[in-house]
C-alpha cells in the first residue's frame, strides 16, 4: 500500500488532502502538532479536525510532531521508506501580521521546517512526489504597482493590462518588493522546493495560493478571512476591515479544488514546477462583496468597521492566473464557485457552533 505523508494534516489543506488521497486508496501519515492554537488562540485550534480524521479515515495515522524536529521527522520518514509515494507539505505559520511578533518562530517553521521535510524525503523517499503549499505573498507588494481603478465596491485592474483578463501569472517578479517577514520565509521555502526539484531531480511543485478556503478552515482574525467572516456573521462578533476602503480584491479557491490539482500533478509530475493557484476570475470578490454575500447566505447582518490602516505589504488586488496549470493538466477544473463555497462554509460553521453549544 502506498503512503502519503501530509504535514499540517489537520489544517484546511492538509485535512482535505488527507481525505482526498485516502479516498484514492493511499495510507495517510498525518503530521500536525496544532501550532495553529498557539498562533491564533483556542478558537482556532485544529484538534477537532484531528479527532474527526481519526474517526473517519481507516488508514490514517496521526503524529503530533513538530516539522522542525529532525529526529522525529527522520523516524516517521524512515518507517515509511519506499512506500511513500507522496509528500504533501501544508504545514506553515500562515499570517504575515503574526510573523512580526516572533520572527524566529515564523522562519524556522516555514523555511527550516520545509528544508527538514525536503531532506527527509530525499533521504528516504527520493521517488516520492513532493507537493508544497506556497503563497501569493512571495510576490510581496509588487501587485500593488499594477494600474488599478477604483469601482463602487472594489478595486479592479485596468482593462488594458495583460493581466486583466486572467489574473497575475508566474512571470511577476518576486524581487525588490515588501514581502512581510512571513512572505520572506515563504520565499525561502518556495525556492527550496524548486531547488530540490532542479538540483536533485526530485518531483516537486510549489502551489502559490491565493485565498484558500472551505468548510474545514479554523478561521482567525489574522488568517482565513472568509472563514473568520462567516464565524463573525453567525456569532454576531464585530469584524474589522483593514484599509483600502474594504475594496481590496482576493480570489478564493475551495480546498477541494486545490487538492484535486495536487492529485493531477501527482499522476503526471514534473520537477521544480511553479504554479499560481487560486480562484482566478472564476471565484473572486472584494471585502465589501464578501460581506454582502455572507449576509445574504447567513441571514445575519455583520457588524463591521473600517480601519484606515492597511496591513503592511498587503495586496490591494489579487487574482491568480491558473492557465499554466490548466495547460499542463487540462483535465483539471473547478468544482466550486464563490457562492457555493460560502454556502457550504455557512452550513458547516452553523453545525460546529451547535455542537460546541450542546
Protein backbone atom coordinates (compact mmCIF):
# COMPACT_ATOMS: atom_id res chain seq x y z
CA UNK A 1 0.00 0.00 0.00
CA UNK A 2 1.42 3.41 -0.96
CA UNK A 3 1.74 6.14 1.65
CA UNK A 4 1.06 9.87 1.53
CA UNK A 5 2.76 11.90 4.25
CA UNK A 6 0.78 15.06 4.96
CA UNK A 7 2.20 17.87 7.09
CA UNK A 8 -0.29 20.23 8.65
CA UNK A 9 -2.71 17.34 8.29
CA UNK A 10 -5.43 18.86 10.48
CA UNK A 11 -5.41 22.24 8.77
CA UNK A 12 -7.55 23.35 5.87
CA UNK A 13 -5.44 21.98 3.03
CA UNK A 14 -3.82 19.14 4.95
CA UNK A 15 -7.14 17.67 6.08
CA UNK A 16 -8.62 17.97 2.59
CA UNK A 17 -5.54 16.28 1.13
CA UNK A 18 -5.71 13.52 3.76
CA UNK A 19 -9.31 12.74 2.85
CA UNK A 20 -8.76 13.02 -0.90
CA UNK A 21 -5.65 10.82 -1.10
CA UNK A 22 -7.17 8.36 1.40
CA UNK A 23 -10.20 8.03 -0.88
CA UNK A 24 -7.80 7.22 -3.72
CA UNK A 25 -6.59 4.21 -1.73
CA UNK A 26 -3.47 5.54 -0.01
CA UNK A 27 -2.43 5.20 3.63
CA UNK A 28 -2.15 8.61 5.24
CA UNK A 29 0.55 9.58 7.73
CA UNK A 30 -0.51 12.91 9.21
CA UNK A 31 1.83 15.31 11.00
CA UNK A 32 0.21 18.14 12.98
CA UNK A 33 1.02 19.48 16.45
CA UNK A 34 -1.79 22.10 16.49
CA UNK A 35 0.52 25.09 16.31
CA UNK A 36 -2.48 26.98 14.95
CA UNK A 37 -3.80 27.10 18.52
CA UNK A 38 -0.52 28.72 19.58
CA UNK A 39 -0.67 31.22 16.73
CA UNK A 40 -4.29 32.31 16.98
CA UNK A 41 -5.79 31.02 20.24
CA UNK A 42 -8.12 28.20 21.34
CA UNK A 43 -10.94 29.12 18.93
CA UNK A 44 -8.59 28.37 16.03
CA UNK A 45 -7.35 25.01 17.33
CA UNK A 46 -7.47 22.18 14.80
CA UNK A 47 -7.76 19.47 17.46
CA UNK A 48 -11.40 18.89 16.44
CA UNK A 49 -10.24 18.09 12.91
CA UNK A 50 -7.59 15.67 14.15
CA UNK A 51 -10.25 13.71 16.01
CA UNK A 52 -12.56 13.76 13.01
CA UNK A 53 -9.84 12.37 10.74
CA UNK A 54 -9.01 9.63 13.23
CA UNK A 55 -12.66 8.57 13.32
CA UNK A 56 -13.47 8.78 9.64
CA UNK A 57 -10.29 7.64 7.85
CA UNK A 58 -9.48 3.96 8.44
CA UNK A 59 -5.91 4.20 7.17
CA UNK A 60 -4.92 7.45 8.89
CA UNK A 61 -2.11 7.69 11.45
CA UNK A 62 -1.53 10.92 13.33
CA UNK A 63 1.76 12.23 14.73
CA UNK A 64 1.66 15.31 16.98
CA UNK A 65 5.21 16.16 15.97
CA UNK A 66 6.96 19.40 15.02
CA UNK A 67 8.28 19.59 11.45
CA UNK A 68 11.39 21.35 12.80
CA UNK A 69 12.28 18.27 14.86
CA UNK A 70 14.71 16.45 12.59
CA UNK A 71 14.87 13.31 14.73
CA UNK A 72 11.09 12.97 14.84
CA UNK A 73 10.78 13.53 11.08
CA UNK A 74 13.58 11.06 10.40
CA UNK A 75 11.74 8.39 12.37
CA UNK A 76 8.46 8.99 10.50
CA UNK A 77 10.01 9.02 7.04
CA UNK A 78 12.32 6.09 7.74
CA UNK A 79 9.39 3.92 8.84
CA UNK A 80 7.54 4.69 5.58
CA UNK A 81 10.56 4.31 3.34
CA UNK A 82 10.00 3.42 -0.30
CA UNK A 83 6.26 3.02 0.22
CA UNK A 84 6.00 6.81 0.49
CA UNK A 85 4.56 7.88 -2.86
CA UNK A 86 3.55 11.45 -2.00
CA UNK A 87 4.62 14.14 0.44
CA UNK A 88 2.08 16.94 0.80
CA UNK A 89 3.64 19.80 2.72
CA UNK A 90 0.90 22.06 4.03
CA UNK A 91 2.27 22.94 7.48
CA UNK A 92 3.14 26.60 7.97
CA UNK A 93 2.92 29.72 10.07
CA UNK A 94 0.38 31.43 7.77
CA UNK A 95 -0.02 35.04 8.94
CA UNK A 96 2.15 37.97 7.87
CA UNK A 97 0.97 40.01 10.87
CA UNK A 98 1.82 37.23 13.34
CA UNK A 99 5.28 36.70 11.80
CA UNK A 100 6.42 40.12 13.01
CA UNK A 101 5.67 39.07 16.61
CA UNK A 102 8.00 36.07 16.55
CA UNK A 103 10.29 36.19 13.51
CA UNK A 104 12.38 33.23 14.61
CA UNK A 105 9.31 31.04 15.09
CA UNK A 106 7.92 32.08 11.72
CA UNK A 107 11.14 31.49 9.81
CA UNK A 108 12.09 28.22 11.44
CA UNK A 109 8.64 26.75 10.75
CA UNK A 110 8.26 27.99 7.20
CA UNK A 111 11.84 27.81 5.93
CA UNK A 112 13.74 25.41 8.20
CA UNK A 113 10.72 23.14 8.53
CA UNK A 114 10.39 22.92 4.76
CA UNK A 115 14.09 22.11 4.46
CA UNK A 116 13.71 19.33 7.03
CA UNK A 117 10.77 17.75 5.18
CA UNK A 118 12.52 18.03 1.82
CA UNK A 119 15.69 16.44 3.16
CA UNK A 120 13.77 13.60 4.82
CA UNK A 121 12.05 12.92 1.51
CA UNK A 122 15.36 12.97 -0.37
CA UNK A 123 16.97 10.56 2.09
CA UNK A 124 14.14 8.10 2.47
CA UNK A 125 11.68 8.55 -0.43
CA UNK A 126 13.51 10.26 -3.31
CA UNK A 127 11.00 9.00 -5.87
CA UNK A 128 8.00 10.43 -4.00
CA UNK A 129 6.08 13.34 -5.47
CA UNK A 130 6.58 16.42 -3.28
CA UNK A 131 3.71 18.93 -3.31
CA UNK A 132 4.18 22.12 -1.31
CA UNK A 133 1.84 24.94 -0.43
CA UNK A 134 3.35 28.33 -1.12
CA UNK A 135 1.57 31.68 -1.23
CA UNK A 136 0.99 34.69 -3.44
CA UNK A 137 2.81 36.66 -0.74
CA UNK A 138 6.07 35.55 -2.38
CA UNK A 139 5.39 38.36 -4.85
CA UNK A 140 5.43 40.86 -1.99
CA UNK A 141 3.54 44.07 -2.59
CA UNK A 142 4.51 44.23 -6.27
CA UNK A 143 0.88 43.59 -7.32
CA UNK A 144 0.08 47.00 -5.77
CA UNK A 145 2.12 48.67 -8.53
CA UNK A 146 -0.38 47.49 -11.15
CA UNK A 147 -2.69 50.14 -12.69
CA UNK A 148 -5.78 49.82 -10.50
CA UNK A 149 -9.09 51.57 -10.97
CA UNK A 150 -11.47 52.26 -8.08
CA UNK A 151 -15.02 50.98 -8.64
CA UNK A 152 -18.10 51.20 -6.42
CA UNK A 153 -17.43 48.00 -4.45
CA UNK A 154 -13.90 47.02 -5.49
CA UNK A 155 -10.55 47.89 -6.93
CA UNK A 156 -10.13 46.48 -10.42
CA UNK A 157 -7.21 46.17 -12.80
CA UNK A 158 -7.21 48.49 -15.79
CA UNK A 159 -8.79 46.56 -18.66
CA UNK A 160 -5.88 47.31 -20.99
CA UNK A 161 -3.33 45.49 -18.80
CA UNK A 162 -2.18 42.00 -19.91
CA UNK A 163 -3.18 40.54 -16.53
CA UNK A 164 -6.73 41.91 -16.71
CA UNK A 165 -8.39 39.01 -18.49
CA UNK A 166 -6.99 36.09 -16.49
CA UNK A 167 -5.12 37.50 -13.50
CA UNK A 168 -1.49 37.54 -12.38
CA UNK A 169 0.76 34.83 -13.80
CA UNK A 170 4.07 33.37 -12.65
CA UNK A 171 6.12 35.88 -14.68
CA UNK A 172 5.66 38.55 -11.98
CA UNK A 173 8.97 39.27 -10.22
CA UNK A 174 9.39 38.38 -6.56
CA UNK A 175 12.30 40.84 -6.18
CA UNK A 176 12.51 44.40 -4.84
CA UNK A 177 9.18 44.48 -3.04
CA UNK A 178 7.96 44.40 0.55
CA UNK A 179 7.04 40.83 1.45
CA UNK A 180 6.45 40.95 5.21
CA UNK A 181 8.55 38.56 7.27
CA UNK A 182 6.01 35.84 6.53
CA UNK A 183 6.40 36.45 2.81
CA UNK A 184 10.18 36.28 3.14
CA UNK A 185 10.10 32.95 5.00
CA UNK A 186 7.73 31.56 2.38
CA UNK A 187 10.01 32.75 -0.42
CA UNK A 188 12.81 30.72 1.19
CA UNK A 189 10.57 27.66 1.39
CA UNK A 190 9.29 28.16 -2.16
CA UNK A 191 12.80 28.37 -3.65
CA UNK A 192 13.98 25.37 -1.64
CA UNK A 193 11.21 23.19 -3.07
CA UNK A 194 12.08 24.36 -6.58
CA UNK A 195 15.78 23.69 -5.98
CA UNK A 196 15.27 20.14 -4.71
CA UNK A 197 13.49 19.54 -7.99
CA UNK A 198 16.03 21.24 -10.23
CA UNK A 199 19.25 20.30 -8.37
CA UNK A 200 18.39 16.81 -7.10
CA UNK A 201 15.85 15.88 -9.79
CA UNK A 202 13.05 15.26 -7.30
CA UNK A 203 9.44 15.52 -8.45
CA UNK A 204 8.48 18.77 -6.75
CA UNK A 205 5.92 21.51 -7.22
CA UNK A 206 5.01 24.69 -5.37
CA UNK A 207 1.45 25.97 -5.49
CA UNK A 208 1.30 29.71 -4.84
CA UNK A 209 -2.13 30.01 -3.31
CA UNK A 210 -4.47 32.94 -3.36
CA UNK A 211 -7.06 32.82 -0.58
CA UNK A 212 -7.52 29.17 0.35
CA UNK A 213 -10.84 28.45 1.96
CA UNK A 214 -13.51 25.86 2.71
CA UNK A 215 -15.62 24.38 5.49
CA UNK A 216 -12.67 22.84 7.34
CA UNK A 217 -10.94 26.18 7.90
CA UNK A 218 -10.47 27.22 11.53
CA UNK A 219 -10.52 30.90 10.63
CA UNK A 220 -8.89 33.56 12.81
CA UNK A 221 -8.75 37.34 12.72
CA UNK A 222 -5.17 37.21 11.41
CA UNK A 223 -5.68 34.40 8.90
CA UNK A 224 -8.51 32.90 6.87
CA UNK A 225 -10.65 35.96 6.28
CA UNK A 226 -13.67 34.23 4.72
CA UNK A 227 -13.90 31.56 7.43
CA UNK A 228 -13.50 34.19 10.15
CA UNK A 229 -16.04 36.46 8.48
CA UNK A 230 -18.54 33.59 8.40
CA UNK A 231 -17.90 32.96 12.10
CA UNK A 232 -18.42 36.64 12.88
CA UNK A 233 -21.70 36.65 10.95
CA UNK A 234 -23.07 33.65 12.84
CA UNK A 235 -21.82 34.70 16.29
CA UNK A 236 -22.57 38.41 15.82
CA UNK A 237 -18.91 39.25 16.50
CA UNK A 238 -17.69 42.65 15.22
CA UNK A 239 -15.35 42.45 12.23
CA UNK A 240 -12.64 44.97 11.29
CA UNK A 241 -11.69 45.56 7.65
CA UNK A 242 -8.10 46.80 7.32
CA UNK A 243 -7.57 49.53 4.76
CA UNK A 244 -8.30 50.15 1.07
CA UNK A 245 -11.93 51.15 1.83
CA UNK A 246 -12.87 47.48 2.02
CA UNK A 247 -12.50 47.28 -1.74
CA UNK A 248 -9.41 45.04 -1.77
CA UNK A 249 -9.93 42.02 -4.03
CA UNK A 250 -8.99 38.38 -3.39
CA UNK A 251 -9.54 35.28 -5.42
CA UNK A 252 -10.81 32.33 -3.40
CA UNK A 253 -10.27 28.64 -4.08
CA UNK A 254 -12.08 25.83 -2.28
CA UNK A 255 -9.69 23.39 -0.61
CA UNK A 256 -11.16 20.53 -2.66
CA UNK A 257 -10.29 22.21 -5.96
CA UNK A 258 -6.73 22.87 -4.79
CA UNK A 259 -6.19 19.29 -3.58
CA UNK A 260 -7.68 17.97 -6.81
CA UNK A 261 -4.91 19.93 -8.55
CA UNK A 262 -2.41 18.13 -6.29
CA UNK A 263 -3.83 14.82 -7.45
CA UNK A 264 -3.47 15.75 -11.11
CA UNK A 265 0.18 16.70 -10.57
CA UNK A 266 0.77 13.52 -8.58
CA UNK A 267 -0.36 11.41 -11.54
CA UNK A 268 1.94 13.22 -14.01
CA UNK A 269 4.64 15.02 -12.01
CA UNK A 270 7.40 17.34 -13.15
CA UNK A 271 10.48 18.67 -11.36
CA UNK A 272 10.77 22.12 -9.79
CA UNK A 273 7.40 23.29 -11.08
CA UNK A 274 5.76 26.56 -10.01
CA UNK A 275 2.04 27.27 -10.28
CA UNK A 276 -0.15 30.18 -9.24
CA UNK A 277 -3.25 28.52 -7.85
CA UNK A 278 -6.33 30.41 -6.71
CA UNK A 279 -9.91 31.11 -7.65
CA UNK A 280 -8.88 33.17 -10.71
CA UNK A 281 -11.61 35.10 -12.48
CA UNK A 282 -13.85 32.12 -11.71
CA UNK A 283 -14.11 32.92 -7.98
CA UNK A 284 -13.07 36.28 -6.56
CA UNK A 285 -14.52 39.15 -4.55
CA UNK A 286 -13.74 42.29 -2.62
CA UNK A 287 -14.18 42.55 1.14
CA UNK A 288 -17.37 44.59 0.66
CA UNK A 289 -18.72 41.99 -1.76
CA UNK A 290 -17.83 39.14 0.62
CA UNK A 291 -19.66 40.86 3.48
CA UNK A 292 -22.77 41.33 1.35
CA UNK A 293 -22.82 37.73 0.12
CA UNK A 294 -22.25 36.22 3.57
CA UNK A 295 -25.05 38.37 4.99
CA UNK A 296 -27.33 37.03 2.26
CA UNK A 297 -26.37 33.39 2.86
CA UNK A 298 -26.39 33.54 6.67
CA UNK A 299 -29.43 35.77 7.08
CA UNK A 300 -27.44 37.87 9.59
CA UNK A 301 -26.16 41.42 9.34
CA UNK A 302 -22.43 41.70 10.02
CA UNK A 303 -21.31 44.39 12.43
CA UNK A 304 -18.15 45.63 10.73
CA UNK A 305 -15.94 48.69 10.83
CA UNK A 306 -13.19 50.06 8.64
CA UNK A 307 -9.67 50.74 9.84
CA UNK A 308 -7.67 53.23 7.76
CA UNK A 309 -4.50 51.26 8.47
CA UNK A 310 -3.86 48.56 5.88
CA UNK A 311 -1.74 45.57 6.79
CA UNK A 312 1.89 46.09 5.82
CA UNK A 313 2.64 44.55 2.43
CA UNK A 314 -0.99 43.51 1.90
CA UNK A 315 -2.37 43.23 -1.62
CA UNK A 316 -4.94 45.68 -2.95
CA UNK A 317 -5.88 43.40 -5.84
CA UNK A 318 -5.02 39.77 -6.38
CA UNK A 319 -6.48 37.39 -8.93
CA UNK A 320 -4.45 34.30 -9.87
CA UNK A 321 -3.90 33.29 -13.47
CA UNK A 322 -4.10 29.49 -13.34
CA UNK A 323 -3.68 28.96 -17.08
CA UNK A 324 -0.17 27.46 -16.73
CA UNK A 325 -1.57 24.66 -14.59
CA UNK A 326 -4.60 24.23 -16.85
CA UNK A 327 -2.31 23.93 -19.87
CA UNK A 328 -0.23 21.23 -18.17
CA UNK A 329 -3.30 19.46 -16.73
CA UNK A 330 -6.30 20.11 -18.99
CA UNK A 331 -8.37 17.53 -17.11
CA UNK A 332 -8.47 19.71 -14.00
CA UNK A 333 -11.35 22.13 -13.46
CA UNK A 334 -13.15 23.92 -10.64
CA UNK A 335 -15.98 22.21 -8.79
CA UNK A 336 -16.86 25.22 -6.58
CA UNK A 337 -17.56 28.87 -7.30
CA UNK A 338 -17.61 31.60 -4.65
CA UNK A 339 -21.29 31.31 -3.72
CA UNK A 340 -21.32 27.51 -3.43
CA UNK A 341 -18.12 27.65 -1.35
CA UNK A 342 -19.54 30.20 1.05
CA UNK A 343 -22.88 28.40 1.33
CA UNK A 344 -21.05 25.23 2.36
CA UNK A 345 -18.95 27.19 4.86
CA UNK A 346 -22.00 28.82 6.46
CA UNK A 347 -23.70 25.47 6.99
CA UNK A 348 -20.53 23.83 8.32
CA UNK A 349 -19.92 26.67 10.78
CA UNK A 350 -23.54 26.50 11.97
CA UNK A 351 -23.07 22.82 12.67
CA UNK A 352 -19.84 23.32 14.62
CA UNK A 353 -21.32 26.13 16.68
CA UNK A 354 -24.36 23.98 17.53
CA UNK A 355 -22.11 21.10 18.59
CA UNK A 356 -19.98 23.33 20.82
CA UNK A 357 -23.09 24.80 22.43
CA UNK A 358 -24.63 21.39 23.13
